[in-house]
Amino acid sequence: MEKGKGLARRWAVELHDASSSSASHAAPDPPGFTRSAPDADDAAGARQRKDSETAWKAQKAWEVAQAPFKNLMMMGFMMWMAGSTVHLFSIGITFSALWQPISALRSVGKVFEPFKDPRVDTIAPKLLFIALNLAAMGLGVWKLNTLGLLPTNPSDWVSSLAPARVEYAGGGIPLI
């Protein structure tokens, strides 16, 4: 047998000439591909994607709303470790425990902005987020009270009281 003539090799592939564009030489579609997809399938797929996106946004909104609970537990542990004596570390932890919820409450709208969608109800996650941040702020106020930094005793307000009226009493000699 001459070289190049005779049996074709198994690995040889015939390539079609791209310069001739006739319908008879068109490559067949790959398995599973159809050139004309029905519009009903496109609409159902788009609806399904929108529903899954809505479910994803609602789930992420609830995750963001529950995030302050983890911070609440961590901050409570740090305040417990700081002790009940007034020193720089305990005061720093306490004011951090107060500042974080305040700044989170100021930015509730920005936190839930990515989940803004008419089909996603963010009222309940926002209320949970606010409640957990108020609980964290309450924990900070409680720590301030245990450190004795809140004016809760009457003796803390002595400086704001009017001075007592002093009366003088004299001996038996009348002054005229």
Foldseek 3Di string as FASTA:
>chain_A
DDPPDDDDDPPDDDDDDPVDDDPVRDDDDDPPDDPDDDPVVVVVVVVVVVVVVLVVLQVVLLVLLCVLVVVLVVLVVLLVVVDQEDDDSNVVSLVVLQVVLVVCVVCLCVSSVVSDDPSHDNPVSSVSSNVSSVVSNVVSVVSCVSNVNDPPDPVSCVVVDDDDDDDDDDDDDDDD
